[in-house]
Amino acid sequence: MAKWVRSGVLDNGLNDIKTNATHMLLIKAYTLADSYATVVGNIVADVTMTSGDYTLASASSNRTLTTASGKSATASAGSGASPNLHIAFTDGSANVIWVTDETSDQVVTSGNTVNFPSIVYTSNQPT
């Protein structure tokens, strides 16, 4: 259930994701701070993202970034019998930007359609 963001998100906020995350991946396994090569080696499905697929908004006094719903892809690989699914956002060439848990951990078969959910990242006000 590892979740992670790169230092660019911590330094530059939610716009770092909106500007740089060009791929949303369903991956079959993730360990905190896995390398880009490890993340792309675990791809089950991949969709292209543009800055228009992200919405910045306010929720109370916090800021949120929401991904577009309705994105889907054909699974290019199976997840294995006991997957630990995560959704990773990358720049498509060298950097992992954000990783979050996918809580169903259902088995995915190569060739099946994968429907990506809308995901919300909240940047909270300091307390």
C-alpha atoms as a PDB file:
ATOM      1  CA  MET A   1       0.000   0.000   0.000  1.00  0.00           C
ATOM      2  CA  ALA A   2       2.955   2.313  -0.646  1.00  0.00           C
ATOM      3  CA  LYS A   3       2.172   5.837  -1.804  1.00  0.00           C
ATOM      4  CA  TRP A   4       4.840   8.222  -3.048  1.00  0.00           C
ATOM      5  CA  VAL A   5       5.472  11.554  -4.829  1.00  0.00           C
ATOM      6  CA  ARG A   6       8.717  12.878  -6.201  1.00  0.00           C
ATOM      7  CA  SER A   7      10.472  15.900  -4.727  1.00  0.00           C
ATOM      8  CA  GLY A   8       9.216  18.088  -7.603  1.00  0.00           C
ATOM      9  CA  VAL A   9       5.657  17.680  -6.307  1.00  0.00           C
ATOM     10  CA  LEU A  10       6.771  18.498  -2.781  1.00  0.00           C
ATOM     11  CA  ASP A  11       8.710  21.539  -4.024  1.00  0.00           C
ATOM     12  CA  ASN A  12       6.341  22.817  -6.731  1.00  0.00           C
ATOM     13  CA  GLY A  13       2.945  21.529  -5.683  1.00  0.00           C
ATOM     14  CA  LEU A  14       0.155  20.000  -7.698  1.00  0.00           C
ATOM     15  CA  ASN A  15       1.144  21.775 -10.925  1.00  0.00           C
ATOM     16  CA  ASP A  16       4.178  19.490 -11.090  1.00  0.00           C
ATOM     17  CA  ILE A  17       1.829  16.543 -11.623  1.00  0.00           C
ATOM     18  CA  LYS A  18      -0.431  18.436 -14.045  1.00  0.00           C
ATOM     19  CA  THR A  19       2.517  19.648 -16.124  1.00  0.00           C
ATOM     20  CA  ASN A  20       4.739  16.561 -16.150  1.00  0.00           C
ATOM     21  CA  ALA A  21       2.626  13.415 -15.682  1.00  0.00           C
ATOM     22  CA  THR A  22       1.965  12.293 -19.259  1.00  0.00           C
ATOM     23  CA  HIS A  23       1.218   8.621 -18.518  1.00  0.00           C
ATOM     24  CA  MET A  24      -1.069   6.897 -16.027  1.00  0.00           C
ATOM     25  CA  LEU A  25      -0.085   3.268 -15.490  1.00  0.00           C
ATOM     26  CA  LEU A  26      -1.712   0.358 -13.757  1.00  0.00           C
ATOM     27  CA  ILE A  27       1.186  -1.601 -12.273  1.00  0.00           C
ATOM     28  CA  LYS A  28       1.122  -5.048 -10.680  1.00  0.00           C
ATOM     29  CA  ALA A  29       3.559  -4.309  -7.840  1.00  0.00           C
ATOM     30  CA  TYR A  30       5.201  -1.322  -6.190  1.00  0.00           C
ATOM     31  CA  THR A  31       7.681  -0.793  -3.376  1.00  0.00           C
ATOM     32  CA  LEU A  32       8.315   2.676  -1.964  1.00  0.00           C
ATOM     33  CA  ALA A  33      10.583   4.726  -4.267  1.00  0.00           C
ATOM     34  CA  ASP A  34      10.923   2.050  -6.984  1.00  0.00           C
ATOM     35  CA  SER A  35      12.963   3.236  -9.970  1.00  0.00           C
ATOM     36  CA  TYR A  36      11.370   4.237 -13.270  1.00  0.00           C
ATOM     37  CA  ALA A  37      12.674   1.015 -14.858  1.00  0.00           C
ATOM     38  CA  THR A  38      11.069  -1.102 -12.136  1.00  0.00           C
ATOM     39  CA  VAL A  39       7.751   0.747 -12.421  1.00  0.00           C
ATOM     40  CA  VAL A  40       7.521   0.402 -16.215  1.00  0.00           C
ATOM     41  CA  GLY A  41       8.602  -3.228 -15.910  1.00  0.00           C
ATOM     42  CA  ASN A  42       5.425  -3.836 -13.886  1.00  0.00           C
ATOM     43  CA  ILE A  43       2.967  -2.204 -16.340  1.00  0.00           C
ATOM     44  CA  VAL A  44      -0.360  -3.932 -16.798  1.00  0.00           C
ATOM     45  CA  ALA A  45      -2.036  -1.028 -18.672  1.00  0.00           C
ATOM     46  CA  ASP A  46      -1.006   2.484 -19.777  1.00  0.00           C
ATOM     47  CA  VAL A  47      -2.958   5.568 -20.867  1.00  0.00           C
ATOM     48  CA  THR A  48      -1.639   8.891 -22.131  1.00  0.00           C
ATOM     49  CA  MET A  49      -2.476  11.981 -20.080  1.00  0.00           C
ATOM     50  CA  THR A  50      -2.438  15.670 -21.020  1.00  0.00           C
ATOM     51  CA  SER A  51      -2.638  18.709 -18.751  1.00  0.00           C
ATOM     52  CA  GLY A  52      -6.340  18.908 -19.679  1.00  0.00           C
ATOM     53  CA  ASP A  53      -6.902  15.545 -17.966  1.00  0.00           C
ATOM     54  CA  TYR A  54      -6.161  17.153 -14.597  1.00  0.00           C
ATOM     55  CA  THR A  55      -8.344  19.650 -12.736  1.00  0.00           C
ATOM     56  CA  LEU A  56      -7.048  21.903  -9.972  1.00  0.00           C
ATOM     57  CA  ALA A  57      -9.645  23.106  -7.466  1.00  0.00           C
ATOM     58  CA  SER A  58     -10.179  24.148  -3.870  1.00  0.00           C
ATOM     59  CA  ALA A  59     -11.793  21.961  -1.233  1.00  0.00           C
ATOM     60  CA  SER A  60     -12.340  23.956   1.950  1.00  0.00           C
ATOM     61  CA  SER A  61      -8.971  25.652   2.396  1.00  0.00           C
ATOM     62  CA  ASN A  62      -7.025  22.842   0.702  1.00  0.00           C
ATOM     63  CA  ARG A  63      -6.086  22.391  -2.966  1.00  0.00           C
ATOM     64  CA  THR A  64      -6.983  19.285  -4.931  1.00  0.00           C
ATOM     65  CA  LEU A  65      -5.879  17.789  -8.212  1.00  0.00           C
ATOM     66  CA  THR A  66      -8.380  15.403  -9.799  1.00  0.00           C
ATOM     67  CA  THR A  67      -7.648  13.126 -12.747  1.00  0.00           C
ATOM     68  CA  ALA A  68     -10.145  12.705 -15.553  1.00  0.00           C
ATOM     69  CA  SER A  69     -12.525   9.794 -15.325  1.00  0.00           C
ATOM     70  CA  GLY A  70     -13.347   7.599 -18.280  1.00  0.00           C
ATOM     71  CA  LYS A  71      -9.782   6.700 -19.213  1.00  0.00           C
ATOM     72  CA  SER A  72      -9.374   3.087 -20.273  1.00  0.00           C
ATOM     73  CA  ALA A  73      -6.795   0.854 -21.915  1.00  0.00           C
ATOM     74  CA  THR A  74      -6.346  -2.725 -22.992  1.00  0.00           C
ATOM     75  CA  ALA A  75      -4.159  -4.640 -20.552  1.00  0.00           C
ATOM     76  CA  SER A  76      -0.833  -5.381 -22.232  1.00  0.00           C
ATOM     77  CA  ALA A  77       0.103  -7.898 -19.524  1.00  0.00           C
ATOM     78  CA  GLY A  78      -1.539  -9.900 -16.792  1.00  0.00           C
ATOM     79  CA  SER A  79      -1.315  -8.920 -13.153  1.00  0.00           C
ATOM     80  CA  GLY A  80      -0.449 -12.359 -11.822  1.00  0.00           C
ATOM     81  CA  ALA A  81      -2.471 -14.364  -9.321  1.00  0.00           C
ATOM     82  CA  SER A  82      -1.989 -12.109  -6.265  1.00  0.00           C
ATOM     83  CA  PRO A  83      -1.314  -8.582  -7.498  1.00  0.00           C
ATOM     84  CA  ASN A  84      -0.545  -5.556  -5.339  1.00  0.00           C
ATOM     85  CA  LEU A  85      -1.949  -3.075  -7.849  1.00  0.00           C
ATOM     86  CA  HIS A  86      -0.947   0.581  -7.856  1.00  0.00           C
ATOM     87  CA  ILE A  87      -1.555   3.493 -10.203  1.00  0.00           C
ATOM     88  CA  ALA A  88       1.603   5.344 -11.176  1.00  0.00           C
ATOM     89  CA  PHE A  89       2.006   8.618 -13.033  1.00  0.00           C
ATOM     90  CA  THR A  90       5.193   9.093 -15.064  1.00  0.00           C
ATOM     91  CA  ASP A  91       6.648  11.521 -17.573  1.00  0.00           C
ATOM     92  CA  GLY A  92       6.852   8.665 -20.092  1.00  0.00           C
ATOM     93  CA  SER A  93      10.629   8.703 -20.348  1.00  0.00           C
ATOM     94  CA  ALA A  94      12.568   8.705 -17.080  1.00  0.00           C
ATOM     95  CA  ASN A  95      10.656   9.838 -13.990  1.00  0.00           C
ATOM     96  CA  VAL A  96       8.030   8.451 -11.660  1.00  0.00           C
ATOM     97  CA  ILE A  97       5.968  11.424 -10.480  1.00  0.00           C
ATOM     98  CA  TRP A  98       3.212  10.017  -8.268  1.00  0.00           C
ATOM     99  CA  VAL A  99       2.151   6.544  -7.137  1.00  0.00           C
ATOM    100  CA  THR A 100      -1.038   5.658  -5.289  1.00  0.00           C
ATOM    101  CA  ASP A 101      -2.627   2.421  -4.171  1.00  0.00           C
ATOM    102  CA  GLU A 102      -5.307   0.697  -6.246  1.00  0.00           C
ATOM    103  CA  THR A 103      -7.387  -0.923  -3.553  1.00  0.00           C
ATOM    104  CA  SER A 104      -9.249  -3.701  -5.389  1.00  0.00           C
ATOM    105  CA  ASP A 105      -6.125  -5.739  -6.215  1.00  0.00           C
ATOM    106  CA  GLN A 106      -8.279  -7.757  -8.600  1.00  0.00           C
ATOM    107  CA  VAL A 107      -6.613 -10.098 -11.054  1.00  0.00           C
ATOM    108  CA  VAL A 108      -6.236  -8.551 -14.525  1.00  0.00           C
ATOM    109  CA  THR A 109      -5.829 -10.711 -17.622  1.00  0.00           C
ATOM    110  CA  SER A 110      -3.849  -9.540 -20.652  1.00  0.00           C
ATOM    111  CA  GLY A 111      -6.236  -8.272 -23.329  1.00  0.00           C
ATOM    112  CA  ASN A 112      -8.956  -7.205 -20.885  1.00  0.00           C
ATOM    113  CA  THR A 113     -10.154  -3.607 -20.681  1.00  0.00           C
ATOM    114  CA  VAL A 114      -8.844  -1.645 -17.700  1.00  0.00           C
ATOM    115  CA  ASN A 115     -10.979   1.322 -16.610  1.00  0.00           C
ATOM    116  CA  PHE A 116      -9.001   3.899 -14.647  1.00  0.00           C
ATOM    117  CA  PRO A 117     -10.865   5.714 -11.860  1.00  0.00           C
ATOM    118  CA  SER A 118     -10.839   9.425 -11.196  1.00  0.00           C
ATOM    119  CA  ILE A 119      -8.187   9.994  -8.522  1.00  0.00           C
ATOM    120  CA  VAL A 120      -7.897  12.963  -6.172  1.00  0.00           C
ATOM    121  CA  TYR A 121      -4.626  14.213  -4.704  1.00  0.00           C
ATOM    122  CA  THR A 122      -5.168  16.710  -1.869  1.00  0.00           C
ATOM    123  CA  SER A 123      -2.572  19.232  -0.799  1.00  0.00           C
ATOM    124  CA  ASN A 124      -3.528  20.170   2.762  1.00  0.00           C
ATOM    125  CA  GLN A 125      -3.028  23.453   4.537  1.00  0.00           C
ATOM    126  CA  PRO A 126      -0.341  23.211   7.222  1.00  0.00           C
ATOM    127  CA  THR A 127      -1.578  22.615  10.743  1.00  0.00           C
END
